[in-house]
């Protein structure tokens, strides 16, 4: 007895069967007539590498479809490669500083307490929002240059020049003092990065930093005035 196995209506593959119980057929296109009909998947439903189709081994260098390589992240730019590296390094440090400053400012916003709670609470919230808004601008600028930017909080902590605040209780006065010092450090880093951008003839990055310098100076102004001891005349 023989089983007719069909790949397509026009082609047959005859497979011998030497007695015994008939094989179990899990799926078929049409009911068996004079022999069992097996539904064999078409080749297009089972894609195969050419080397595998001929009995060879598939190349281990073949990349998976959709896989991103380092070359895919290199955005075209007319800025020299060495200048791209120096600008990207400067901007990535600024972005790392912004992450740490944002979290510290938000931490103080959440945990401030005392008779002037409302004033401190709102001041810290406004400043945290401003710092946070700078992060995406800085990191996207790095990507526009074809360089890579921050990937993790671990990388942030390696690059930042600031320190975190993990104290359970901090007085409002100490909060203001810490934020004032941190913003002054950020201002210094911004000016240094601006010079790097100028030397690289990266006008766009330099222009962005000028806006952030102005914003940082404003935060320093508010924190400085808040930190001053009031005299009889209120100053």
Protein backbone atom coordinates (compact mmCIF):
# COMPACT_ATOMS: atom_id res chain seq x y z
CA UNK A 1 0.00 0.00 0.00
CA UNK A 2 1.24 3.51 -0.74
CA UNK A 3 0.43 7.01 0.50
CA UNK A 4 0.12 9.83 -2.00
CA UNK A 5 1.56 13.00 -0.49
CA UNK A 6 0.65 16.22 -2.28
CA UNK A 7 2.67 19.47 -2.15
CA UNK A 8 0.44 21.03 -4.77
CA UNK A 9 -2.31 19.62 -6.94
CA UNK A 10 0.08 19.21 -9.88
CA UNK A 11 2.95 17.48 -8.01
CA UNK A 12 3.08 14.23 -6.06
CA UNK A 13 5.63 12.56 -3.84
CA UNK A 14 5.02 8.88 -3.33
CA UNK A 15 6.11 7.52 0.02
CA UNK A 16 6.29 3.78 0.62
CA UNK A 17 4.50 2.14 3.51
CA UNK A 18 5.08 -1.50 4.39
CA UNK A 19 2.01 -2.58 6.25
CA UNK A 20 1.05 -2.12 9.84
CA UNK A 21 -1.48 0.35 11.15
CA UNK A 22 -2.04 3.34 8.90
CA UNK A 23 -0.20 6.47 10.02
CA UNK A 24 -2.22 9.08 11.90
CA UNK A 25 -2.89 12.17 9.83
CA UNK A 26 -3.22 15.37 11.87
CA UNK A 27 -4.25 17.63 9.02
CA UNK A 28 -5.25 17.32 5.37
CA UNK A 29 -6.72 19.45 2.65
CA UNK A 30 -9.15 16.92 1.22
CA UNK A 31 -10.44 13.62 2.56
CA UNK A 32 -8.24 10.70 1.51
CA UNK A 33 -9.45 8.80 -1.52
CA UNK A 34 -7.28 5.87 -2.56
CA UNK A 35 -4.53 6.97 -0.21
CA UNK A 36 -3.96 9.33 2.73
CA UNK A 37 -3.30 12.94 1.73
CA UNK A 38 -0.83 14.89 3.84
CA UNK A 39 -0.78 18.66 3.96
CA UNK A 40 2.87 19.62 3.53
CA UNK A 41 3.77 23.28 4.25
CA UNK A 42 4.74 25.27 1.21
CA UNK A 43 8.33 26.51 1.01
CA UNK A 44 7.29 30.15 1.27
CA UNK A 45 5.78 29.40 4.70
CA UNK A 46 9.13 28.06 5.92
CA UNK A 47 11.81 30.56 4.91
CA UNK A 48 15.26 29.02 4.78
CA UNK A 49 18.69 30.45 4.30
CA UNK A 50 20.21 29.45 0.94
CA UNK A 51 23.09 27.64 2.61
CA UNK A 52 20.67 25.65 4.75
CA UNK A 53 18.59 24.72 1.71
CA UNK A 54 21.70 23.13 0.16
CA UNK A 55 22.78 21.34 3.30
CA UNK A 56 25.28 23.99 4.38
CA UNK A 57 25.58 25.90 7.67
CA UNK A 58 24.04 29.31 8.07
CA UNK A 59 26.56 32.10 8.52
CA UNK A 60 26.93 33.22 12.15
CA UNK A 61 27.57 36.76 10.90
CA UNK A 62 24.07 37.13 9.53
CA UNK A 63 22.23 39.78 11.55
CA UNK A 64 18.64 39.41 12.62
CA UNK A 65 16.12 41.45 10.64
CA UNK A 66 15.60 44.88 12.17
CA UNK A 67 18.74 44.71 14.33
CA UNK A 68 20.30 48.16 14.93
CA UNK A 69 24.05 48.47 14.52
CA UNK A 70 26.43 51.19 15.67
CA UNK A 71 26.61 52.48 12.12
CA UNK A 72 22.85 53.04 12.11
CA UNK A 73 23.22 55.59 14.94
CA UNK A 74 25.76 57.73 13.10
CA UNK A 75 23.70 60.69 11.93
CA UNK A 76 25.32 62.61 9.03
CA UNK A 77 26.92 65.91 10.04
CA UNK A 78 29.44 68.29 8.52
CA UNK A 79 31.19 68.77 11.88
CA UNK A 80 34.53 66.98 12.10
CA UNK A 81 34.52 63.67 13.95
CA UNK A 82 36.93 64.79 16.66
CA UNK A 83 34.79 67.87 17.30
CA UNK A 84 31.64 65.76 17.48
CA UNK A 85 33.27 63.68 20.20
CA UNK A 86 34.33 66.67 22.27
CA UNK A 87 30.93 68.38 22.00
CA UNK A 88 29.05 65.15 22.75
CA UNK A 89 31.18 64.53 25.85
CA UNK A 90 30.47 68.04 27.13
CA UNK A 91 26.73 67.80 26.45
CA UNK A 92 26.43 64.35 28.00
CA UNK A 93 28.02 65.60 31.21
CA UNK A 94 25.58 68.51 31.27
CA UNK A 95 22.69 66.10 30.78
CA UNK A 96 23.98 63.91 33.62
CA UNK A 97 24.26 66.98 35.86
CA UNK A 98 20.71 67.93 34.93
CA UNK A 99 19.40 64.49 35.91
CA UNK A 100 21.04 64.69 39.35
CA UNK A 101 20.04 68.32 39.91
CA UNK A 102 16.47 67.56 38.86
CA UNK A 103 16.10 64.68 41.29
CA UNK A 104 17.69 66.61 44.14
CA UNK A 105 15.47 69.64 43.54
CA UNK A 106 12.39 67.43 43.30
CA UNK A 107 13.46 65.58 46.45
CA UNK A 108 13.60 68.88 48.34
CA UNK A 109 10.25 69.89 46.84
CA UNK A 110 8.70 66.73 48.27
CA UNK A 111 10.34 66.87 51.70
CA UNK A 112 10.58 70.55 52.62
CA UNK A 113 8.82 71.44 55.87
CA UNK A 114 8.36 74.49 58.06
CA UNK A 115 6.57 77.84 58.30
CA UNK A 116 7.63 78.85 54.76
CA UNK A 117 6.63 75.52 53.25
CA UNK A 118 4.50 76.94 50.45
CA UNK A 119 7.20 79.33 49.19
CA UNK A 120 9.95 76.70 49.18
CA UNK A 121 7.67 73.98 47.83
CA UNK A 122 6.63 76.04 44.80
CA UNK A 123 10.11 77.45 44.18
CA UNK A 124 11.69 74.00 44.09
CA UNK A 125 8.93 72.67 41.85
CA UNK A 126 9.38 75.47 39.29
CA UNK A 127 13.14 74.99 39.22
CA UNK A 128 12.88 71.20 38.93
CA UNK A 129 10.58 71.51 35.92
CA UNK A 130 13.00 73.89 34.23
CA UNK A 131 15.98 71.61 34.79
CA UNK A 132 14.06 68.55 33.59
CA UNK A 133 13.09 70.29 30.36
CA UNK A 134 16.77 70.77 29.49
CA UNK A 135 17.59 67.05 29.56
CA UNK A 136 15.78 66.07 26.36
CA UNK A 137 17.16 69.10 24.51
CA UNK A 138 20.74 68.25 25.46
CA UNK A 139 20.50 64.52 24.73
CA UNK A 140 18.70 64.99 21.41
CA UNK A 141 21.39 67.48 20.37
CA UNK A 142 23.97 64.75 20.95
CA UNK A 143 21.99 62.39 18.70
CA UNK A 144 21.68 65.05 16.01
CA UNK A 145 25.46 65.09 15.88
CA UNK A 146 25.54 61.32 15.35
CA UNK A 147 26.95 60.50 18.78
CA UNK A 148 25.37 58.40 21.52
CA UNK A 149 23.99 59.81 24.74
CA UNK A 150 22.97 58.52 28.16
CA UNK A 151 21.75 54.93 28.52
CA UNK A 152 21.30 54.38 32.26
CA UNK A 153 21.33 55.95 35.72
CA UNK A 154 24.65 54.22 36.30
CA UNK A 155 26.10 56.17 33.40
CA UNK A 156 24.55 59.37 34.77
CA UNK A 157 26.32 58.90 38.10
CA UNK A 158 29.65 58.24 36.37
CA UNK A 159 29.45 61.42 34.30
CA UNK A 160 27.94 63.92 36.71
CA UNK A 161 30.02 66.44 38.65
CA UNK A 162 27.28 66.78 41.29
CA UNK A 163 26.52 64.68 44.34
CA UNK A 164 23.20 63.15 45.31
CA UNK A 165 21.31 63.98 48.50
CA UNK A 166 20.11 60.92 50.40
CA UNK A 167 19.72 62.47 53.86
CA UNK A 168 16.41 61.61 55.44
CA UNK A 169 15.86 65.09 56.88
CA UNK A 170 17.28 68.36 55.51
CA UNK A 171 16.40 71.82 56.79
CA UNK A 172 14.93 74.30 54.28
CA UNK A 173 17.99 76.53 54.72
CA UNK A 174 20.34 73.66 53.92
CA UNK A 175 18.24 72.71 50.89
CA UNK A 176 18.58 76.19 49.46
CA UNK A 177 22.31 76.24 50.21
CA UNK A 178 22.88 72.92 48.41
CA UNK A 179 20.84 73.87 45.38
CA UNK A 180 22.62 77.21 45.14
CA UNK A 181 26.02 75.50 45.11
CA UNK A 182 24.86 72.90 42.57
CA UNK A 183 23.45 75.49 40.20
CA UNK A 184 26.69 77.47 40.42
CA UNK A 185 28.60 74.31 39.49
CA UNK A 186 26.22 73.73 36.57
CA UNK A 187 26.72 77.32 35.41
CA UNK A 188 30.49 76.82 35.35
CA UNK A 189 30.10 73.58 33.35
CA UNK A 190 27.75 75.33 30.90
CA UNK A 191 30.29 78.06 30.20
CA UNK A 192 33.05 75.49 29.67
CA UNK A 193 30.85 73.47 27.33
CA UNK A 194 29.96 76.63 25.42
CA UNK A 195 33.66 77.20 24.75
CA UNK A 196 33.99 73.61 23.50
CA UNK A 197 31.10 74.23 21.09
CA UNK A 198 32.66 77.48 19.88
CA UNK A 199 35.99 75.76 19.23
CA UNK A 200 34.15 73.04 17.28
CA UNK A 201 32.23 75.66 15.28
CA UNK A 202 29.00 74.07 16.48
CA UNK A 203 26.79 77.14 16.45
CA UNK A 204 23.55 75.26 17.19
CA UNK A 205 24.84 73.62 20.37
CA UNK A 206 26.37 76.90 21.55
CA UNK A 207 23.06 78.66 21.00
CA UNK A 208 21.19 76.10 23.10
CA UNK A 209 23.67 76.47 25.92
CA UNK A 210 23.24 80.24 25.96
CA UNK A 211 19.57 79.76 26.84
CA UNK A 212 20.46 77.30 29.60
CA UNK A 213 23.06 79.70 30.99
CA UNK A 214 20.39 82.38 31.28
CA UNK A 215 17.97 79.97 32.98
CA UNK A 216 20.64 78.79 35.43
CA UNK A 217 21.57 82.36 36.32
CA UNK A 218 17.92 83.02 37.11
CA UNK A 219 17.72 79.97 39.39
CA UNK A 220 20.89 81.14 41.17
CA UNK A 221 19.37 84.60 41.63
CA UNK A 222 16.20 83.22 43.23
CA UNK A 223 18.08 80.82 45.48
CA UNK A 224 20.54 83.48 46.56
CA UNK A 225 17.80 85.91 47.53
CA UNK A 226 15.91 83.15 49.34
CA UNK A 227 19.03 82.22 51.33
CA UNK A 228 19.71 85.72 52.66
CA UNK A 229 18.99 86.47 56.30
CA UNK A 230 16.34 89.15 56.62
CA UNK A 231 17.22 92.27 58.58
CA UNK A 232 14.86 94.78 60.21
CA UNK A 233 14.16 96.33 56.83
CA UNK A 234 13.39 92.98 55.25
CA UNK A 235 16.78 92.68 53.51
